[in-house]
Amino acid sequence: MKIESMGNLRRTNMCGELSLENEGEEITLMGWVQRERNLGSIIFIDLRDTTGITQLVIDDNISEELFKKAEKIRSEFVIAVKGMVRERQSKNPEMITGDIELLVEELKVLNKSETPPIYIKDDDQVSENMKLKYRYLDLRKSSMQEKLKTRAKTGRVIREFLDENKFIEIETPMLTKPTPEGARDYLVPSRVNKGEFYALPQSPQQMKQLLMVAGMDKYYQITKCFRDEDLRSNRQPEFTQVDIEMSFVDVDDVLEVNEKLIQHIFKEMKDIDIDLPIKRMTHKEAIERFGVDKPDLRFGMELIDLTDLLKDSEFKVFSGNISDGGEVRGINVKGAQDKFSNKEIKRLEKFAKDYGSHGLIDLRIIDGEVVSGIAKFLSEEEIKSIKERVLAEDGDIIFVIAAQPEIVFNTLGNLRNKVARDLEMIDKDDLNLLWITEFPLFEFDQEEERYVAVHHPFTAQMDEDVEYLDSDPGRVRAKAYDIVMNGDELGGGSIRINNSELQSKMFELLGFTKEETEDQFGHLIEAFKYGTPPHGGIAYGFDRLVMLLTGTENIRDVIAFPKTQAATDLMMEAPTEVSKSQLEDLNIDVKKKNK
C-alpha cells in the first residue's frame, strides 16, 4: 500500500468533538484506526485521536477506488479522511460521538502499522514490563492520555494560584554540588574540570533558601528532582516536585496559604470543597494513636497501650519486653472473628515480622471469653483489664505486639492499614486531609552512632526547645510539617534556620567537623551572614498528587516515560555502557562488571 502525504488536506476537527450540531458539515479528520469492520458493501472504521473516536463509513457506492483502499486498512494505520457528518441510524450512547458518523469522500493513508505487540485498549491485561517497553503504544490508550491531561491541568491550576498570590516562578540549576545528607546523589562527571563531579538535585532546597537571601520574597517552581535510592511502587529515581518558599513567615503563615492552594486544587480538579482550616495533629500524637506519621483517618482502629496492665505479667513476652524498655500495644479489629482464618492470621504474622516484630499475638473474643494460644499464661484480672481497655465485644480480634517502642508503633501502624484494606473498611470516596506538625528535629542512628536530621539539616527548632540543643538533642522539636491525605504524604516542609551561627551549630550536632561544614555548606553559611529573613516553605510530590487525583495506585501511570522499580528504562534500554573514548574524555575508568 502506498504511503501518501497530507497534500492539501488539513484537519478541521478533532474526533471527539463532533455532535449532531455538525450534521451536514464537510470536515477533515486525522488519527489512528482503532478497528475496522468490513460488511461487504460497506466498511466501518473507528478513527481515534486524543479527544475520542468517530465512526467512519466507506460506502462502495461513493467510489470503488476509495472502497478498495479502505479494504486494506488495518488497526493503528494513520489516516486522513474528508467527508460529510451525518446522523447515525444505530446510535451508540457509550460514545461521546455516538449520535453521528462521517461518510468518507476522500481517504489518505499517511502511514501503515505493523501488528502492535500490545493491544491499544484500556483492559489489555498486558504485563507492566511490556507496557513500559512499548510506552509510546501504551500512551495511545485513552485512559493513559486522560491521566497526562489531568497532570497538565493540575500544573496549570497550581501555577495560576501561585501567580495570583504574587509568587515568582524561578528556575534553579540541574547541575549542582553533591550533598552528604539524604539519599544518594546522581553524579555527573565534568569534562572540563577533570576528576570533579556535579550532582543532579535531590531538591532545590539550598537554592530556594538562597533566593530568600536574595530578597525574592515568594518563590515557586515545578521541577525535576533526582534520588538514587531503592524504589517502591510510589517512588521514581527522577520525580517532579512543586517547590515553594516564602520570606517573613512562621508555621501558621505557610500552612494558611498552602491550605488555600490545596482547596483550590481540589475544587478545580475534582469539584470537591475542602473545609478550612485543615485539621492538625502533632507527630507525637500521630505515632501514639496510629503508629505512623502519615495516618489514614478514614477508619478507626487506633493503637491501645496495654503496657501498664501487663508489666508484672507471668507471660515473659510481655513483662520481659517491658522490663527491657519495651511496650505492649494492640488494635481491636471489630467483628473480625469470622473474617480471618488461621491461615490468614499466619500471613498477618509474617507481615508483622517484616517490620521487625518477633511475632503477632491474636486474642479472639468468643462468647465473652478470650481464645488464644497465650490465654493460659494470663491471669483472669489481666484478661479482664485488656478486654475493658480495648472495649472488646464478641466477634472481635485483638492483635498485640510486644517489642521496643519503635517496632511496636511501626508494626501496628502498618498492620492497621493492611487490615483495613483487607476487610474493605475504607471508604474510597472519602477525603481526609491532615497536617502533621512538631516532628522531632533529630533521630539517633544506631549504626552510625550519631544524630541525623529527621527532615534535613536546614530545619529550625521550635523556639521553646532551643535550650535542649546541647543538653538533650533528641527532645528538640522541629518547625516542620507534612500534609497527609488518606494515609499518603502529599508534601512536607519547615521553617528554615536563617542564622549562620545556628546553622553551623546544627552541622556540629549532626557530626560534621568545621572543615566538612565549610567544604559542603560554606556557601550557605556565608550567605546567612548578610541579612537573611525568616523564611520557610514546602514541597509537594507532584507525581503523587496527580496519582491521587486520578485514582491510580501506581505512580508510573501518571508519568509519561517512567522507570521500572530497578530504575531502568525498558524502552530506551537505559542505563547502558558508554564507549571507551567517552570515558577517556571524562578521565574515568570503569571496573568491568561480571556477566
Protein backbone atom coordinates (compact mmCIF):
# COMPACT_ATOMS: atom_id res chain seq x y z
CA MET A 1 0.00 0.00 0.00
CA LYS A 2 1.29 3.41 -0.99
CA ILE A 3 2.04 5.91 1.79
CA GLU A 4 0.59 9.32 0.98
CA SER A 5 1.25 12.85 2.15
CA MET A 6 -1.49 15.07 3.55
CA GLY A 7 -1.35 17.13 0.35
CA ASN A 8 -3.90 19.93 0.64
CA LEU A 9 -5.85 18.20 3.41
CA ARG A 10 -5.74 19.93 6.79
CA ARG A 11 -7.52 18.76 9.92
CA THR A 12 -10.64 20.83 10.62
CA ASN A 13 -11.94 18.99 13.70
CA MET A 14 -10.90 16.52 16.39
CA CYS A 15 -12.56 13.11 16.54
CA GLY A 16 -14.10 13.51 19.99
CA GLU A 17 -15.60 16.95 19.34
CA LEU A 18 -18.35 16.09 16.83
CA SER A 19 -22.08 16.01 17.57
CA LEU A 20 -25.41 16.43 15.79
CA GLU A 21 -24.68 20.16 15.66
CA ASN A 22 -22.09 19.31 12.98
CA GLU A 23 -24.61 17.39 10.84
CA GLY A 24 -24.25 18.33 7.15
CA GLU A 25 -20.79 19.85 7.57
CA GLU A 26 -17.87 18.81 5.40
CA ILE A 27 -14.91 18.16 7.70
CA THR A 28 -11.45 16.58 7.72
CA LEU A 29 -10.26 14.25 10.48
CA MET A 30 -6.87 12.65 11.07
CA GLY A 31 -5.86 9.96 13.51
CA TRP A 32 -5.28 6.26 14.17
CA VAL A 33 -7.54 3.37 13.17
CA GLN A 34 -8.91 1.79 16.34
CA ARG A 35 -10.64 -1.01 14.45
CA GLU A 36 -12.24 -1.73 11.09
CA ARG A 37 -15.30 -3.83 10.13
CA ASN A 38 -15.92 -4.89 6.50
CA LEU A 39 -19.57 -5.81 5.91
CA GLY A 40 -19.17 -6.45 2.20
CA SER A 41 -20.59 -3.35 0.58
CA ILE A 42 -19.81 -1.03 3.47
CA ILE A 43 -16.79 -0.59 5.74
CA PHE A 44 -16.89 0.93 9.21
CA ILE A 45 -13.71 2.39 10.72
CA ASP A 46 -13.35 3.77 14.23
CA LEU A 47 -10.92 6.68 13.98
CA ARG A 48 -9.15 7.73 17.19
CA ASP A 49 -7.24 10.78 18.33
CA THR A 50 -6.50 12.23 21.75
CA THR A 51 -10.07 13.59 22.11
CA GLY A 52 -12.00 10.43 21.32
CA ILE A 53 -13.39 8.27 18.49
CA THR A 54 -15.55 8.98 15.43
CA GLN A 55 -17.12 6.24 13.31
CA LEU A 56 -16.25 6.49 9.61
CA VAL A 57 -18.40 4.98 6.86
CA ILE A 58 -16.94 3.97 3.49
CA ASP A 59 -19.69 3.03 1.05
CA ASP A 60 -18.83 1.27 -2.21
CA ASN A 61 -21.50 3.42 -3.89
CA ILE A 62 -19.36 6.52 -3.30
CA SER A 63 -16.19 5.32 -5.04
CA GLU A 64 -14.90 1.87 -5.95
CA GLU A 65 -11.29 3.08 -5.75
CA LEU A 66 -11.93 4.56 -2.28
CA PHE A 67 -13.54 1.33 -1.13
CA LYS A 68 -10.62 -0.82 -2.33
CA LYS A 69 -8.17 1.43 -0.47
CA ALA A 70 -10.26 1.17 2.71
CA GLU A 71 -10.27 -2.64 2.46
CA LYS A 72 -6.50 -2.66 3.02
CA ILE A 73 -6.58 -0.51 6.16
CA ARG A 74 -5.75 -2.18 9.46
CA SER A 75 -5.64 -1.20 13.14
CA GLU A 76 -3.20 1.59 14.04
CA PHE A 77 -2.83 2.83 10.47
CA VAL A 78 -2.55 6.63 10.44
CA ILE A 79 -5.10 8.08 8.04
CA ALA A 80 -6.69 11.36 6.96
CA VAL A 81 -10.32 11.47 5.80
CA LYS A 82 -12.63 14.08 4.39
CA GLY A 83 -16.37 13.71 4.32
CA MET A 84 -19.85 14.72 5.44
CA VAL A 85 -21.15 14.44 9.02
CA ARG A 86 -24.49 12.66 9.21
CA GLU A 87 -26.75 11.25 11.91
CA ARG A 88 -26.19 7.61 12.77
CA GLN A 89 -29.04 5.18 12.27
CA SER A 90 -27.75 2.91 15.03
CA LYS A 91 -26.61 5.26 17.78
CA ASN A 92 -24.08 4.37 20.46
CA PRO A 93 -24.82 6.02 23.83
CA GLU A 94 -21.46 4.76 25.17
CA MET A 95 -19.59 7.10 22.81
CA ILE A 96 -19.42 10.90 23.05
CA THR A 97 -19.79 10.98 19.26
CA GLY A 98 -22.30 8.12 19.23
CA ASP A 99 -25.04 10.18 17.53
CA ILE A 100 -23.09 10.83 14.35
CA GLU A 101 -20.78 9.29 11.76
CA LEU A 102 -18.64 10.58 8.91
CA LEU A 103 -19.47 9.48 5.36
CA VAL A 104 -15.99 9.43 3.80
CA GLU A 105 -15.44 11.03 0.39
CA GLU A 106 -11.63 11.18 0.42
CA LEU A 107 -9.08 9.00 2.25
CA LYS A 108 -5.28 9.17 2.53
CA VAL A 109 -3.07 6.58 4.22
CA LEU A 110 -0.44 8.70 5.96
CA ASN A 111 1.38 5.73 7.48
CA LYS A 112 0.96 1.98 7.91
CA SER A 113 1.39 -0.02 11.11
CA GLU A 114 2.62 -3.50 11.83
CA THR A 115 0.59 -5.54 14.29
CA PRO A 116 1.32 -3.86 17.67
CA PRO A 117 2.96 -6.03 20.37
CA ILE A 118 0.35 -4.79 22.85
CA TYR A 119 -3.34 -4.07 22.42
CA ILE A 120 -4.34 -0.41 22.25
CA LYS A 121 -7.20 -0.71 24.70
CA ASP A 122 -7.61 0.03 28.38
CA ASP A 123 -8.24 -3.53 29.63
CA ASP A 124 -5.39 -5.17 27.72
CA GLN A 125 -4.09 -7.35 30.63
CA VAL A 126 -0.52 -6.82 29.38
CA SER A 127 2.42 -7.07 31.82
CA GLU A 128 3.80 -3.77 33.08
CA ASN A 129 7.21 -4.50 31.59
CA MET A 130 5.65 -4.83 28.13
CA LYS A 131 3.76 -1.58 28.66
CA LEU A 132 6.97 0.21 29.64
CA LYS A 133 8.96 -1.27 26.76
CA TYR A 134 6.33 -0.05 24.29
CA ARG A 135 5.37 3.03 26.25
CA TYR A 136 4.59 5.05 23.11
CA LEU A 137 1.89 2.48 22.29
CA ASP A 138 0.62 2.29 25.88
CA LEU A 139 0.20 6.07 25.84
CA ARG A 140 -2.20 5.83 22.88
CA LYS A 141 -4.83 4.47 25.27
CA SER A 142 -7.48 6.98 26.24
CA SER A 143 -7.10 6.22 29.97
CA MET A 144 -3.38 6.97 29.86
CA GLN A 145 -3.87 10.14 27.86
CA GLU A 146 -6.53 11.32 30.30
CA LYS A 147 -4.06 10.91 33.18
CA LEU A 148 -1.47 13.04 31.38
CA LYS A 149 -4.14 15.66 30.63
CA THR A 150 -5.02 15.70 34.34
CA ARG A 151 -1.34 16.15 35.12
CA ALA A 152 -1.10 19.10 32.72
CA LYS A 153 -4.23 20.74 34.10
CA THR A 154 -3.06 20.26 37.71
CA GLY A 155 0.19 22.06 36.91
CA ARG A 156 -1.75 24.90 35.29
CA VAL A 157 -4.10 25.21 38.30
CA ILE A 158 -1.15 25.36 40.71
CA ARG A 159 0.64 28.00 38.64
CA GLU A 160 -2.49 30.13 38.37
CA PHE A 161 -2.99 30.15 42.14
CA LEU A 162 0.64 30.92 42.98
CA ASP A 163 0.87 33.62 40.30
CA GLU A 164 -2.26 35.27 41.68
CA ASN A 165 -0.72 35.19 45.17
CA LYS A 166 2.42 37.00 43.98
CA PHE A 167 4.78 34.02 43.92
CA ILE A 168 7.56 34.27 41.33
CA GLU A 169 8.43 31.22 39.23
CA ILE A 170 12.22 30.85 39.15
CA GLU A 171 14.27 28.00 37.66
CA THR A 172 17.18 26.64 39.67
CA PRO A 173 20.16 24.64 38.31
CA MET A 174 20.09 20.97 37.35
CA LEU A 175 23.88 20.71 37.77
CA THR A 176 24.74 21.42 41.39
CA LYS A 177 27.01 20.35 44.25
CA PRO A 178 26.97 16.82 45.74
CA THR A 179 25.50 16.67 49.26
CA PRO A 180 26.30 14.25 52.08
CA GLU A 181 22.79 14.03 53.58
CA GLY A 182 19.68 12.13 52.48
CA ALA A 183 19.57 9.67 49.60
CA ARG A 184 22.44 9.05 47.20
CA ASP A 185 23.09 11.66 44.53
CA TYR A 186 23.12 11.01 40.81
CA LEU A 187 26.59 12.22 39.87
CA VAL A 188 27.56 13.91 36.59
CA PRO A 189 31.28 13.95 35.69
CA SER A 190 32.72 17.24 34.44
CA ARG A 191 34.69 17.00 31.19
CA VAL A 192 36.19 20.47 31.62
CA ASN A 193 37.18 20.02 35.26
CA LYS A 194 38.78 16.59 35.18
CA GLY A 195 38.06 14.31 38.15
CA GLU A 196 35.28 16.55 39.51
CA PHE A 197 31.56 15.94 39.59
CA TYR A 198 28.25 17.73 39.63
CA ALA A 199 25.17 16.23 41.27
CA LEU A 200 21.62 16.27 39.96
CA PRO A 201 19.50 17.97 42.66
CA GLN A 202 17.59 15.84 45.16
CA SER A 203 15.69 19.06 45.85
CA PRO A 204 16.22 22.78 45.13
CA GLN A 205 16.41 23.25 48.93
CA GLN A 206 19.57 25.33 49.21
CA MET A 207 18.86 27.29 46.04
CA LYS A 208 15.41 28.37 47.17
CA GLN A 209 16.79 29.44 50.53
CA LEU A 210 19.43 31.49 48.74
CA LEU A 211 16.62 33.09 46.72
CA MET A 212 15.12 34.23 50.02
CA VAL A 213 18.53 35.66 50.98
CA ALA A 214 18.38 37.43 47.60
CA GLY A 215 15.13 39.11 48.62
CA MET A 216 12.79 37.34 46.15
CA ASP A 217 10.17 37.02 48.93
CA LYS A 218 7.90 34.37 47.32
CA TYR A 219 9.28 31.71 45.01
CA TYR A 220 7.98 28.57 43.33
CA GLN A 221 8.80 26.14 40.57
CA ILE A 222 7.54 22.79 39.30
CA THR A 223 10.82 21.00 38.79
CA LYS A 224 12.54 17.67 38.29
CA CYS A 225 14.45 16.16 41.22
CA PHE A 226 16.63 13.04 41.39
CA ARG A 227 17.37 10.47 44.10
CA ASP A 228 19.40 7.31 43.66
CA GLU A 229 17.52 5.18 46.17
CA ASP A 230 15.76 1.84 46.38
CA LEU A 231 12.37 2.18 44.74
CA ARG A 232 8.80 1.23 45.62
CA SER A 233 5.58 1.43 43.64
CA ASN A 234 5.15 5.12 44.51
CA ARG A 235 8.80 6.15 44.03
CA GLN A 236 10.82 7.07 40.95
CA PRO A 237 14.52 7.94 40.56
CA GLU A 238 13.50 11.16 38.81
CA PHE A 239 10.36 12.84 40.02
CA THR A 240 8.61 16.19 39.84
CA GLN A 241 8.27 18.49 42.81
CA VAL A 242 6.14 21.57 43.42
CA ASP A 243 8.62 23.70 45.34
CA ILE A 244 7.53 26.75 47.36
CA GLU A 245 9.39 29.17 49.64
CA MET A 246 8.30 32.37 51.44
CA SER A 247 10.05 35.07 53.46
CA PHE A 248 8.99 36.69 56.76
CA VAL A 249 6.79 33.75 57.75
CA ASP A 250 6.31 31.24 60.55
CA VAL A 251 4.49 27.90 60.57
CA ASP A 252 0.94 29.28 60.60
CA ASP A 253 1.64 31.58 57.64
CA VAL A 254 2.96 28.76 55.45
CA LEU A 255 0.12 26.40 56.37
CA GLU A 256 -2.55 29.03 55.75
CA VAL A 257 -1.51 29.83 52.16
CA ASN A 258 -0.98 26.14 51.37
CA GLU A 259 -4.39 25.19 52.70
CA LYS A 260 -5.87 27.65 50.23
CA LEU A 261 -3.73 26.14 47.46
CA ILE A 262 -4.94 22.62 48.31
CA GLN A 263 -8.53 23.85 48.48
CA HIS A 264 -8.12 25.47 45.05
CA ILE A 265 -6.60 22.32 43.50
CA PHE A 266 -9.39 20.02 44.66
CA LYS A 267 -12.13 22.45 43.68
CA GLU A 268 -10.73 22.95 40.18
CA MET A 269 -9.70 19.35 39.56
CA LYS A 270 -12.39 17.32 41.36
CA ASP A 271 -15.10 19.89 42.19
CA ILE A 272 -14.60 18.95 45.85
CA ASP A 273 -14.98 21.60 48.55
CA ILE A 274 -12.28 21.35 51.21
CA ASP A 275 -13.26 22.85 54.56
CA LEU A 276 -10.60 25.06 56.12
CA PRO A 277 -8.68 25.07 58.35
CA ILE A 278 -7.34 21.57 57.77
CA LYS A 279 -7.04 19.52 60.96
CA ARG A 280 -3.63 19.47 62.68
CA MET A 281 -2.04 16.72 64.75
CA THR A 282 1.39 16.68 66.37
CA HIS A 283 3.85 13.98 65.35
CA LYS A 284 3.79 12.60 68.90
CA GLU A 285 0.00 12.24 68.88
CA ALA A 286 0.02 10.62 65.42
CA ILE A 287 2.55 7.98 66.50
CA GLU A 288 0.80 7.29 69.80
CA ARG A 289 -2.64 6.88 68.21
CA PHE A 290 -1.88 5.45 64.78
CA GLY A 291 1.72 4.19 64.84
CA VAL A 292 2.82 6.11 61.74
CA ASP A 293 3.46 9.76 60.89
CA LYS A 294 1.04 9.71 57.95
CA PRO A 295 -2.11 8.23 59.46
CA ASP A 296 -5.18 7.34 57.45
CA LEU A 297 -8.12 8.78 59.41
CA ARG A 298 -10.87 7.29 57.22
CA PHE A 299 -11.26 4.46 59.74
CA GLY A 300 -10.71 3.98 63.48
CA MET A 301 -8.83 1.04 64.97
CA GLU A 302 -6.43 3.21 66.98
CA LEU A 303 -3.47 1.76 68.88
CA ILE A 304 -4.20 0.97 72.53
CA ASP A 305 -1.47 0.98 75.20
CA LEU A 306 -1.55 -2.17 77.38
CA THR A 307 1.91 -1.72 78.94
CA ASP A 308 0.75 -0.66 82.40
CA LEU A 309 -1.65 -3.61 82.58
CA LEU A 310 0.95 -6.25 81.75
CA LYS A 311 4.22 -5.04 83.29
CA ASP A 312 4.04 -7.71 86.02
CA SER A 313 2.56 -10.46 83.85
CA GLU A 314 3.85 -14.02 84.25
CA PHE A 315 3.89 -14.15 80.44
CA LYS A 316 7.51 -13.15 79.85
CA VAL A 317 6.95 -11.99 76.27
CA PHE A 318 5.01 -9.11 77.84
CA SER A 319 6.78 -8.46 81.14
CA GLY A 320 10.26 -9.20 79.74
CA ASN A 321 9.91 -6.73 76.88
CA ILE A 322 8.51 -4.09 79.24
CA SER A 323 11.37 -4.50 81.72
CA ASP A 324 13.81 -4.03 78.80
CA GLY A 325 12.23 -0.67 77.96
CA GLY A 326 9.68 -2.06 75.51
CA GLU A 327 5.93 -1.63 75.30
CA VAL A 328 2.83 -3.74 74.71
CA ARG A 329 0.15 -2.26 72.47
CA GLY A 330 -2.69 -3.59 70.40
CA ILE A 331 -5.51 -2.84 67.98
CA ASN A 332 -9.07 -4.14 68.25
CA VAL A 333 -10.45 -5.26 64.88
CA LYS A 334 -14.18 -5.13 65.48
CA GLY A 335 -16.21 -8.10 64.22
CA ALA A 336 -13.21 -9.75 62.55
CA GLN A 337 -13.63 -13.19 64.15
CA ASP A 338 -15.36 -14.68 61.09
CA LYS A 339 -13.18 -12.79 58.60
CA PHE A 340 -9.69 -14.09 59.42
CA SER A 341 -8.91 -17.79 59.21
CA ASN A 342 -5.91 -19.30 60.98
CA LYS A 343 -4.09 -19.31 57.65
CA GLU A 344 -4.78 -15.62 57.18
CA ILE A 345 -3.62 -14.89 60.73
CA LYS A 346 -0.33 -16.62 59.85
CA ARG A 347 0.05 -14.30 56.86
CA LEU A 348 -0.52 -11.30 59.13
CA GLU A 349 2.12 -12.65 61.49
CA LYS A 350 4.61 -12.83 58.62
CA PHE A 351 3.63 -9.25 57.68
CA ALA A 352 4.33 -8.12 61.26
CA LYS A 353 7.76 -9.77 61.21
CA ASP A 354 8.68 -7.75 58.12
CA TYR A 355 8.55 -4.67 60.35
CA GLY A 356 10.90 -6.07 62.97
CA SER A 357 8.45 -7.76 65.32
CA HIS A 358 9.25 -11.25 66.61
CA GLY A 359 5.63 -12.25 66.29
CA LEU A 360 1.97 -11.25 66.37
CA ILE A 361 -0.35 -12.24 69.21
CA ASP A 362 -4.06 -12.61 68.43
CA LEU A 363 -6.76 -12.66 71.08
CA ARG A 364 -10.19 -13.71 69.81
CA ILE A 365 -13.32 -12.80 71.78
CA ILE A 366 -15.78 -15.71 71.62
CA ASP A 367 -18.80 -15.95 73.94
CA GLY A 368 -17.22 -13.38 76.21
CA GLU A 369 -14.01 -15.37 76.60
CA VAL A 370 -10.51 -14.70 75.23
CA VAL A 371 -9.45 -17.54 72.96
CA SER A 372 -5.73 -17.51 72.26
CA GLY A 373 -2.61 -19.66 72.45
CA ILE A 374 -1.36 -17.40 75.24
CA ALA A 375 -4.61 -17.18 77.26
CA LYS A 376 -3.39 -19.81 79.74
CA PHE A 377 -0.42 -17.57 80.62
CA LEU A 378 -2.61 -14.59 81.52
CA SER A 379 -4.43 -14.08 84.79
CA GLU A 380 -8.19 -13.51 84.88
CA GLU A 381 -7.52 -9.94 86.02
CA GLU A 382 -5.18 -9.30 83.08
CA ILE A 383 -7.71 -10.70 80.59
CA LYS A 384 -10.48 -8.61 82.12
CA SER A 385 -8.33 -5.46 82.05
CA ILE A 386 -7.35 -5.99 78.40
CA LYS A 387 -10.99 -6.50 77.35
CA GLU A 388 -12.08 -3.37 79.20
CA ARG A 389 -9.20 -1.27 77.84
CA VAL A 390 -9.89 -2.17 74.19
CA LEU A 391 -13.70 -2.20 74.57
CA ALA A 392 -13.81 -5.83 73.38
CA GLU A 393 -17.05 -7.45 72.27
CA ASP A 394 -17.93 -10.88 70.92
CA GLY A 395 -16.51 -11.40 67.45
CA ASP A 396 -13.58 -9.02 67.88
CA ILE A 397 -9.92 -9.91 67.35
CA ILE A 398 -7.26 -8.07 69.34
CA PHE A 399 -3.82 -8.03 67.71
CA VAL A 400 -0.98 -7.37 70.17
CA ILE A 401 2.71 -6.55 69.68
CA ALA A 402 5.34 -6.58 72.46
CA ALA A 403 8.66 -5.02 71.47
CA GLN A 404 10.72 -1.85 71.63
CA PRO A 405 8.51 1.24 71.08
CA GLU A 406 9.70 1.99 67.54
CA ILE A 407 8.96 -1.58 66.41
CA VAL A 408 5.59 -1.63 68.19
CA PHE A 409 4.45 1.59 66.52
CA ASN A 410 5.81 0.74 63.08
CA THR A 411 4.34 -2.76 63.09
CA LEU A 412 0.89 -1.92 64.43
CA GLY A 413 0.64 1.25 62.32
CA ASN A 414 1.23 -0.69 59.11
CA LEU A 415 -0.81 -3.69 60.27
CA ARG A 416 -3.71 -1.35 60.98
CA ASN A 417 -3.61 -0.13 57.36
CA LYS A 418 -3.33 -3.64 55.93
CA VAL A 419 -6.24 -5.00 57.97
CA ALA A 420 -8.41 -2.04 56.94
CA ARG A 421 -7.62 -2.72 53.26
CA ASP A 422 -8.13 -6.48 53.57
CA LEU A 423 -11.52 -6.03 55.27
CA GLU A 424 -12.53 -3.20 52.90
CA MET A 425 -13.08 -0.84 55.82
CA ILE A 426 -12.01 2.22 53.83
CA ASP A 427 -14.48 4.46 52.01
CA LYS A 428 -12.55 5.25 48.83
CA ASP A 429 -14.80 8.24 48.15
CA ASP A 430 -13.84 9.80 51.48
CA LEU A 431 -11.20 12.53 51.53
CA ASN A 432 -9.28 13.15 54.71
CA LEU A 433 -6.57 15.80 54.90
CA LEU A 434 -4.34 16.33 57.91
CA TRP A 435 -1.30 18.40 58.89
CA ILE A 436 1.31 16.58 60.97
CA THR A 437 3.36 19.12 62.96
CA GLU A 438 6.16 19.30 65.53
CA PHE A 439 8.31 16.50 64.18
CA PRO A 440 11.46 15.61 66.14
CA LEU A 441 14.38 17.65 64.85
CA PHE A 442 16.83 14.73 65.27
CA GLU A 443 16.76 10.96 65.44
CA PHE A 444 19.62 8.81 66.63
CA ASP A 445 21.14 6.49 64.02
CA GLN A 446 22.28 3.36 65.85
CA GLU A 447 24.52 2.18 63.01
CA GLU A 448 26.36 5.48 62.60
CA GLU A 449 26.13 6.24 66.34
CA ARG A 450 25.18 9.85 65.76
CA TYR A 451 22.16 12.08 65.41
CA VAL A 452 20.74 12.64 61.93
CA ALA A 453 18.17 15.20 60.78
CA VAL A 454 14.61 13.86 60.55
CA HIS A 455 13.85 16.20 57.64
CA HIS A 456 17.05 17.98 56.63
CA PRO A 457 19.79 19.99 58.38
CA PHE A 458 18.27 23.36 57.40
CA THR A 459 15.14 22.97 59.56
CA ALA A 460 14.65 25.34 62.51
CA GLN A 461 13.86 24.12 66.00
CA MET A 462 10.79 25.12 68.00
CA ASP A 463 11.65 28.37 69.79
CA GLU A 464 10.97 26.93 73.25
CA ASP A 465 13.26 23.92 72.62
CA VAL A 466 16.46 25.81 71.77
CA GLU A 467 17.81 25.19 75.30
CA TYR A 468 17.88 21.42 74.65
CA LEU A 469 20.09 21.58 71.55
CA ASP A 470 23.21 20.86 73.61
CA SER A 471 21.80 19.01 76.60
CA ASP A 472 19.17 16.73 75.03
CA PRO A 473 19.01 16.90 71.19
CA GLY A 474 16.52 14.04 70.98
CA ARG A 475 13.99 16.16 72.85
CA VAL A 476 14.08 19.06 70.37
CA ARG A 477 11.04 19.51 68.16
CA ALA A 478 11.23 20.97 64.68
CA LYS A 479 9.18 23.65 63.00
CA ALA A 480 8.37 21.02 60.41
CA TYR A 481 5.07 19.90 58.91
CA ASP A 482 3.72 17.33 56.46
CA ILE A 483 0.39 17.37 54.66
CA VAL A 484 -1.21 13.91 54.62
CA MET A 485 -4.14 12.73 52.52
CA ASN A 486 -5.75 9.34 53.19
CA GLY A 487 -2.54 7.92 54.61
CA ASP A 488 -0.28 9.28 51.86
CA GLU A 489 2.15 12.14 52.32
CA LEU A 490 1.37 14.84 49.75
CA GLY A 491 4.18 17.13 50.79
CA GLY A 492 6.28 18.44 53.59
CA GLY A 493 8.27 21.45 54.65
CA SER A 494 9.58 23.52 57.50
CA ILE A 495 10.65 26.90 58.73
CA ARG A 496 14.37 27.20 57.98
CA ILE A 497 17.37 28.24 60.00
CA ASN A 498 18.31 31.78 58.91
CA ASN A 499 21.25 32.37 61.23
CA SER A 500 24.82 31.38 60.31
CA GLU A 501 25.83 30.56 63.91
CA LEU A 502 22.78 28.34 64.46
CA GLN A 503 23.25 26.66 61.09
CA SER A 504 26.88 25.91 61.95
CA LYS A 505 25.70 24.56 65.32
CA MET A 506 23.25 22.27 63.54
CA PHE A 507 26.00 20.74 61.42
CA GLU A 508 28.13 20.28 64.53
CA LEU A 509 25.30 18.40 66.26
CA LEU A 510 24.98 16.20 63.17
CA GLY A 511 28.62 15.18 63.48
CA PHE A 512 30.21 17.41 60.85
CA THR A 513 33.67 18.82 61.51
CA LYS A 514 34.25 22.51 60.85
CA GLU A 515 36.23 21.55 57.76
CA GLU A 516 33.40 19.35 56.43
CA THR A 517 30.85 22.07 57.10
CA GLU A 518 32.94 24.65 55.28
CA ASP A 519 33.59 22.31 52.36
CA GLN A 520 29.99 21.18 51.90
CA PHE A 521 27.95 24.16 53.05
CA GLY A 522 30.32 27.12 53.30
CA HIS A 523 28.40 28.98 50.58
CA LEU A 524 25.18 28.81 52.65
CA ILE A 525 26.84 29.75 55.95
CA GLU A 526 28.48 32.71 54.19
CA ALA A 527 25.19 33.84 52.65
CA PHE A 528 23.42 33.80 56.03
CA LYS A 529 25.87 36.45 57.30
CA TYR A 530 24.39 39.12 55.04
CA GLY A 531 20.90 39.71 56.37
CA THR A 532 18.74 36.60 55.89
CA PRO A 533 14.99 36.98 56.56
CA PRO A 534 12.97 34.39 58.49
CA HIS A 535 11.74 32.01 55.79
CA GLY A 536 10.12 28.65 55.21
CA GLY A 537 8.31 26.62 52.64
CA ILE A 538 7.03 23.30 51.45
CA ALA A 539 7.49 20.83 48.62
CA TYR A 540 4.77 18.61 47.15
CA GLY A 541 5.36 15.39 45.28
CA PHE A 542 3.63 16.41 42.04
CA ASP A 543 3.55 12.87 40.63
CA ARG A 544 2.00 11.55 43.83
CA LEU A 545 -0.57 14.36 43.88
CA VAL A 546 -1.64 13.54 40.33
CA MET A 547 -1.70 9.84 41.22
CA LEU A 548 -4.22 10.58 43.99
CA LEU A 549 -6.27 12.91 41.78
CA THR A 550 -6.57 10.26 39.05
CA GLY A 551 -7.30 7.39 41.46
CA THR A 552 -4.48 5.15 40.26
CA GLU A 553 -2.29 3.23 42.72
CA ASN A 554 0.84 3.24 40.56
CA ILE A 555 2.86 6.41 40.17
CA ARG A 556 4.17 5.21 36.80
CA ASP A 557 0.66 5.67 35.39
CA VAL A 558 0.93 9.48 35.64
CA ILE A 559 4.47 9.88 34.27
CA ALA A 560 4.89 9.89 30.50
CA PHE A 561 8.11 7.87 30.42
CA PRO A 562 8.75 6.34 33.86
CA LYS A 563 11.45 3.98 35.07
CA THR A 564 10.98 0.46 36.41
CA GLN A 565 11.40 -0.46 40.06
CA ALA A 566 15.02 -1.27 39.18
CA ALA A 567 15.45 2.32 37.89
CA THR A 568 15.77 1.18 34.28
CA ASP A 569 14.17 2.47 31.09
CA LEU A 570 12.99 -0.57 29.13
CA MET A 571 12.01 1.50 26.11
CA MET A 572 15.36 3.30 25.65
CA GLU A 573 17.34 0.45 27.26
CA ALA A 574 18.97 2.79 29.76
CA PRO A 575 21.23 2.89 31.67
CA THR A 576 23.81 1.46 29.28
CA GLU A 577 27.54 1.18 28.83
CA VAL A 578 29.34 4.00 27.02
CA SER A 579 32.27 3.93 24.65
CA LYS A 580 35.85 3.86 25.85
CA SER A 581 36.52 7.18 24.12
CA GLN A 582 33.69 8.86 26.05
CA LEU A 583 35.13 7.58 29.33
CA GLU A 584 38.62 8.72 28.39
CA ASP A 585 37.22 12.16 27.56
CA LEU A 586 35.86 12.33 31.12
CA ASN A 587 39.04 10.88 32.64
CA ILE A 588 37.02 7.96 34.06
CA ASP A 589 37.93 4.29 34.29
CA VAL A 590 35.18 1.70 34.87
CA LYS A 591 35.54 -1.68 36.56
CA LYS A 592 34.30 -4.45 34.31
CA LYS A 593 31.05 -5.91 35.63
CA ASN A 594 30.54 -9.64 35.99
CA LYS A 595 28.32 -11.04 33.27
